[in-house]
Amino acid sequence: MNLLLLLDEDFQPDGSARLTGRRAQHAREVLRAEPGETLRVGRLGGLTGTGEVLENTEGLLHLRVALADPPPARAGVDLLLAIPRPKALKKVLPAVASLGVDRVVLVNAARVEKSYFDSKVLAPAFLQELLLQGLEQARDTHLPEVLVRERFRPFVEDELGSLFGREALRLLPHPPARQPLATLGVSSAPRVVLAIGPDGGWVPFEAELLEAHGFHPFTLGPRILRVETAVPVLLGQVALLRENISPPSGR
């Protein structure tokens, strides 16, 4: 945990914060924070800063809080993600939060098991806990918005345009494609939307429908990646291109 996240309900009338549960346990058993020491903290949805430990006893952490610094800049990326296996989703969601994604739409697809939508991972409390873990890792405070859509075609045809906006560059990583990502103008795009299929990939109908709605297919190379690997790889490549950073040569 690189950032102790504070919730609105943690704050007291005097501006201090009192934490219980997992966060207090972490501060006591892992950080071993003593009164007078400072911890890195952030208010969910707000600024980051420091928390001076006033009390750290069994089940209770009391902090004097000073918040003045903004969290990391947003990535300017949204995901349209065919819902993966629950075990994979438990890895993907913290990574998505860590990497500054603003919105994730978990959508059905032909190669998605319908039972995935009944997974406990999608329970609001469970889902938020996974996202909070990602924020804590990245020292961020802004939760991604997560939407769940069980019907692929109605979502693409009726909601996609208004949800993602016309200014976003829509990208479709798709193994049959040959065009590399670097040729698609990512560096100048104000926003990017990535449509990532299930482990078996989008079926032709789904890929064609996405292309008809402005998604540009591109290749990730000759290797076929699982979703939990593809998501951070793609987000990293987009970040690299948008920052106009060239990898070192000669290695």
Protein backbone atom coordinates (compact mmCIF):
# COMPACT_ATOMS: atom_id res chain seq x y z
CA MET A 1 0.00 0.00 0.00
CA ASN A 2 1.73 3.18 -1.21
CA LEU A 3 -1.13 5.52 -0.30
CA LEU A 4 -3.59 5.35 2.56
CA LEU A 5 -6.93 6.33 1.07
CA LEU A 6 -9.28 8.35 3.23
CA LEU A 7 -13.04 8.25 2.71
CA ASP A 8 -15.43 11.11 3.42
CA GLU A 9 -16.84 9.28 6.43
CA ASP A 10 -13.36 9.00 7.97
CA PHE A 11 -13.09 12.75 8.54
CA GLN A 12 -13.97 14.27 11.91
CA PRO A 13 -15.33 17.79 12.55
CA ASP A 14 -11.84 18.98 13.51
CA GLY A 15 -10.40 17.84 10.14
CA SER A 16 -8.61 14.78 11.51
CA ALA A 17 -9.39 11.30 10.20
CA ARG A 18 -10.20 8.10 12.10
CA LEU A 19 -9.79 4.80 10.24
CA THR A 20 -10.81 1.27 11.14
CA GLY A 21 -10.76 -2.10 9.42
CA ARG A 22 -8.22 -3.12 6.78
CA ARG A 23 -6.51 0.26 6.51
CA ALA A 24 -6.00 0.62 10.24
CA GLN A 25 -4.75 -2.95 10.44
CA HIS A 26 -2.26 -2.30 7.63
CA ALA A 27 -0.93 0.82 9.37
CA ARG A 28 -0.50 -1.09 12.62
CA GLU A 29 0.78 -4.48 11.44
CA VAL A 30 2.64 -3.66 8.22
CA LEU A 31 3.67 -0.01 8.45
CA ARG A 32 4.06 -0.18 12.25
CA ALA A 33 3.40 3.54 12.34
CA GLU A 34 4.04 5.18 15.71
CA PRO A 35 2.50 8.41 17.02
CA GLY A 36 4.34 11.37 15.53
CA GLU A 37 5.24 9.59 12.29
CA THR A 38 3.70 10.65 8.99
CA LEU A 39 2.05 8.50 6.36
CA ARG A 40 1.27 9.29 2.73
CA VAL A 41 -2.50 9.74 2.42
CA GLY A 42 -5.09 10.87 -0.09
CA ARG A 43 -8.77 11.70 0.03
CA LEU A 44 -10.84 9.58 -2.34
CA GLY A 45 -11.68 11.81 -5.29
CA GLY A 46 -9.47 14.62 -4.01
CA LEU A 47 -5.96 15.69 -3.06
CA THR A 48 -3.03 13.77 -1.60
CA GLY A 49 -0.74 14.72 1.25
CA THR A 50 0.37 13.48 4.65
CA GLY A 51 -1.25 12.14 7.77
CA GLU A 52 0.50 12.52 11.13
CA VAL A 53 -0.26 9.57 13.37
CA LEU A 54 -1.99 10.70 16.56
CA GLU A 55 -3.06 7.25 17.68
CA ASN A 56 -2.47 3.76 16.32
CA THR A 57 -4.10 1.17 18.51
CA GLU A 58 -5.81 -2.14 17.85
CA GLY A 59 -8.46 -1.45 15.20
CA LEU A 60 -8.11 2.35 15.18
CA LEU A 61 -5.84 4.78 13.34
CA HIS A 62 -6.23 8.50 14.11
CA LEU A 63 -4.48 10.98 11.81
CA ARG A 64 -3.91 14.73 11.60
CA VAL A 65 -4.32 15.30 7.86
CA ALA A 66 -2.73 17.83 5.50
CA LEU A 67 -3.76 17.58 1.84
CA ALA A 68 -2.24 19.89 -0.79
CA ASP A 69 -0.99 17.86 -3.75
CA PRO A 70 -2.94 16.72 -6.83
CA PRO A 71 -3.02 13.02 -7.70
CA PRO A 72 -1.28 11.78 -10.87
CA ALA A 73 -2.62 13.06 -14.19
CA ARG A 74 -5.33 11.00 -15.83
CA ALA A 75 -4.43 8.68 -18.70
CA GLY A 76 -7.19 9.95 -20.99
CA VAL A 77 -8.18 6.36 -21.77
CA ASP A 78 -11.44 4.42 -21.54
CA LEU A 79 -11.89 0.66 -21.96
CA LEU A 80 -14.59 -1.34 -23.66
CA LEU A 81 -13.74 -4.75 -22.24
CA ALA A 82 -15.39 -8.08 -22.96
CA ILE A 83 -15.84 -9.36 -19.43
CA PRO A 84 -13.04 -11.83 -18.66
CA ARG A 85 -12.97 -14.83 -16.33
CA PRO A 86 -13.61 -13.72 -12.73
CA LYS A 87 -10.06 -14.68 -11.69
CA ALA A 88 -8.69 -12.55 -14.52
CA LEU A 89 -11.05 -9.68 -13.71
CA LYS A 90 -9.67 -9.59 -10.17
CA LYS A 91 -6.26 -8.86 -11.70
CA VAL A 92 -7.46 -6.48 -14.40
CA LEU A 93 -9.47 -4.07 -12.24
CA PRO A 94 -6.65 -3.07 -9.87
CA ALA A 95 -4.35 -2.64 -12.89
CA VAL A 96 -6.91 -0.44 -14.64
CA ALA A 97 -7.23 1.78 -11.57
CA SER A 98 -3.44 1.94 -11.15
CA LEU A 99 -2.97 3.07 -14.73
CA GLY A 100 -5.45 5.96 -14.58
CA VAL A 101 -8.27 4.66 -16.79
CA ASP A 102 -11.38 6.83 -16.46
CA ARG A 103 -14.16 4.45 -17.50
CA VAL A 104 -14.49 0.70 -18.01
CA VAL A 105 -17.49 -0.86 -19.73
CA LEU A 106 -17.66 -4.60 -19.10
CA VAL A 107 -19.64 -5.98 -21.99
CA ASN A 108 -20.91 -9.35 -23.13
CA ALA A 109 -19.49 -11.07 -26.20
CA ALA A 110 -20.02 -14.31 -28.10
CA ARG A 111 -17.03 -15.96 -26.42
CA VAL A 112 -17.93 -14.80 -22.90
CA GLU A 113 -19.47 -17.28 -20.48
CA LYS A 114 -22.83 -15.93 -19.36
CA SER A 115 -22.10 -17.07 -15.79
CA TYR A 116 -19.39 -14.40 -15.52
CA PHE A 117 -22.10 -11.78 -15.01
CA ASP A 118 -23.19 -13.58 -11.83
CA SER A 119 -19.71 -13.46 -10.31
CA LYS A 120 -19.24 -11.93 -6.86
CA VAL A 121 -16.47 -9.82 -8.41
CA LEU A 122 -19.19 -7.59 -9.89
CA ALA A 123 -20.80 -6.97 -6.50
CA PRO A 124 -20.38 -3.22 -5.87
CA ALA A 125 -18.44 -3.61 -2.62
CA PHE A 126 -16.09 -6.26 -4.04
CA LEU A 127 -15.53 -4.30 -7.22
CA GLN A 128 -14.75 -1.09 -5.34
CA GLU A 129 -12.27 -2.87 -3.09
CA LEU A 130 -10.32 -4.09 -6.13
CA LEU A 131 -10.26 -0.59 -7.59
CA LEU A 132 -9.14 0.91 -4.28
CA GLN A 133 -6.22 -1.52 -4.18
CA GLY A 134 -5.13 -0.20 -7.56
CA LEU A 135 -5.38 3.41 -6.42
CA GLU A 136 -3.36 2.67 -3.29
CA GLN A 137 -0.63 1.12 -5.40
CA ALA A 138 -0.42 4.08 -7.80
CA ARG A 139 -0.91 6.84 -5.20
CA ASP A 140 -4.04 7.92 -7.00
CA THR A 141 -7.39 9.04 -5.59
CA HIS A 142 -9.83 8.90 -8.54
CA LEU A 143 -11.91 5.77 -9.00
CA PRO A 144 -12.64 4.65 -12.54
CA GLU A 145 -16.30 4.43 -13.46
CA VAL A 146 -17.31 0.81 -14.12
CA LEU A 147 -20.40 -0.03 -16.16
CA VAL A 148 -21.75 -3.50 -16.94
CA ARG A 149 -23.65 -4.22 -20.15
CA GLU A 150 -24.97 -7.71 -20.88
CA ARG A 151 -26.04 -7.05 -24.48
CA PHE A 152 -23.25 -6.28 -26.92
CA ARG A 153 -25.07 -5.07 -30.03
CA PRO A 154 -27.58 -2.76 -28.28
CA PHE A 155 -24.73 -1.18 -26.33
CA VAL A 156 -22.61 -0.54 -29.42
CA GLU A 157 -25.49 0.75 -31.51
CA ASP A 158 -27.38 2.76 -28.88
CA GLU A 159 -24.98 3.85 -26.12
CA LEU A 160 -21.40 3.78 -27.33
CA GLY A 161 -21.48 7.08 -29.22
CA SER A 162 -22.87 9.19 -26.39
CA LEU A 163 -20.77 7.47 -23.73
CA PHE A 164 -17.36 7.84 -25.35
CA GLY A 165 -17.89 10.97 -27.45
CA ARG A 166 -16.88 11.80 -31.00
CA GLU A 167 -13.46 13.23 -30.14
CA ALA A 168 -12.06 9.94 -28.81
CA LEU A 169 -9.80 7.81 -31.01
CA ARG A 170 -11.38 4.35 -31.06
CA LEU A 171 -8.93 1.46 -31.23
CA LEU A 172 -9.51 -2.24 -31.77
CA PRO A 173 -6.63 -4.63 -30.97
CA HIS A 174 -7.49 -7.58 -33.20
CA PRO A 175 -5.12 -10.41 -34.24
CA PRO A 176 -6.10 -10.50 -37.95
CA ALA A 177 -5.15 -6.84 -38.33
CA ARG A 178 -1.74 -5.88 -39.74
CA GLN A 179 -1.54 -2.17 -39.00
CA PRO A 180 0.64 -1.31 -35.96
CA LEU A 181 -0.67 0.92 -33.19
CA ALA A 182 2.03 3.54 -33.78
CA THR A 183 0.51 4.48 -37.15
CA LEU A 184 -2.94 5.41 -35.83
CA GLY A 185 -2.31 8.90 -34.44
CA VAL A 186 -2.47 8.03 -30.75
CA SER A 187 -0.04 10.81 -29.79
CA SER A 188 -2.37 13.57 -30.99
CA ALA A 189 -5.68 12.09 -29.79
CA PRO A 190 -7.41 13.95 -26.94
CA ARG A 191 -8.86 10.67 -25.68
CA VAL A 192 -8.50 7.00 -26.54
CA VAL A 193 -10.99 4.13 -26.28
CA LEU A 194 -9.65 0.57 -26.41
CA ALA A 195 -12.03 -2.27 -27.27
CA ILE A 196 -10.43 -5.42 -25.86
CA GLY A 197 -12.06 -8.75 -26.62
CA PRO A 198 -12.20 -11.96 -24.57
CA ASP A 199 -9.40 -14.53 -24.51
CA GLY A 200 -10.81 -16.10 -27.67
CA GLY A 201 -11.08 -12.73 -29.38
CA TRP A 202 -14.02 -10.88 -30.90
CA VAL A 203 -15.98 -12.95 -33.42
CA PRO A 204 -16.13 -11.48 -36.96
CA PHE A 205 -19.58 -9.95 -36.44
CA GLU A 206 -18.44 -8.12 -33.28
CA ALA A 207 -15.24 -6.84 -34.87
CA GLU A 208 -17.13 -5.67 -37.96
CA LEU A 209 -19.74 -3.87 -35.83
CA LEU A 210 -17.03 -2.11 -33.85
CA GLU A 211 -15.27 -1.09 -37.07
CA ALA A 212 -18.57 0.25 -38.41
CA HIS A 213 -18.72 2.45 -35.32
CA GLY A 214 -15.32 3.99 -35.85
CA PHE A 215 -12.90 1.53 -34.24
CA HIS A 216 -9.56 1.13 -36.01
CA PRO A 217 -8.16 -2.42 -35.94
CA PHE A 218 -4.47 -2.88 -35.21
CA THR A 219 -2.06 -5.66 -34.36
CA LEU A 220 -0.22 -6.31 -31.12
CA GLY A 221 2.27 -8.51 -32.91
CA PRO A 222 2.54 -12.26 -33.45
CA ARG A 223 1.86 -13.26 -29.82
CA ILE A 224 -1.67 -13.93 -28.58
CA LEU A 225 -2.09 -12.54 -25.05
CA ARG A 226 -4.57 -13.29 -22.30
CA VAL A 227 -6.76 -10.40 -21.27
CA GLU A 228 -4.99 -9.84 -17.95
CA THR A 229 -1.72 -9.44 -19.88
CA ALA A 230 -3.12 -7.54 -22.86
CA VAL A 231 -4.77 -4.79 -20.78
CA PRO A 232 -1.61 -3.43 -19.08
CA VAL A 233 0.46 -3.97 -22.24
CA LEU A 234 -1.97 -1.93 -24.31
CA LEU A 235 -2.34 0.81 -21.73
CA GLY A 236 1.44 1.04 -21.50
CA GLN A 237 1.82 1.31 -25.27
CA VAL A 238 -0.82 4.04 -25.47
CA ALA A 239 0.87 5.97 -22.65
CA LEU A 240 4.24 5.68 -24.40
CA LEU A 241 2.87 6.96 -27.70
CA ARG A 242 0.91 9.81 -26.10
CA GLU A 243 3.99 11.03 -24.26
CA ASN A 244 6.06 10.83 -27.45
CA ILE A 245 8.69 8.83 -25.64
CA SER A 246 11.01 6.80 -27.83
CA PRO A 247 12.46 3.62 -26.31
CA PRO A 248 16.26 3.53 -26.08
CA SER A 249 18.00 2.18 -29.16
CA GLY A 250 20.81 -0.32 -29.38
CA ARG A 251 19.44 -2.72 -26.78
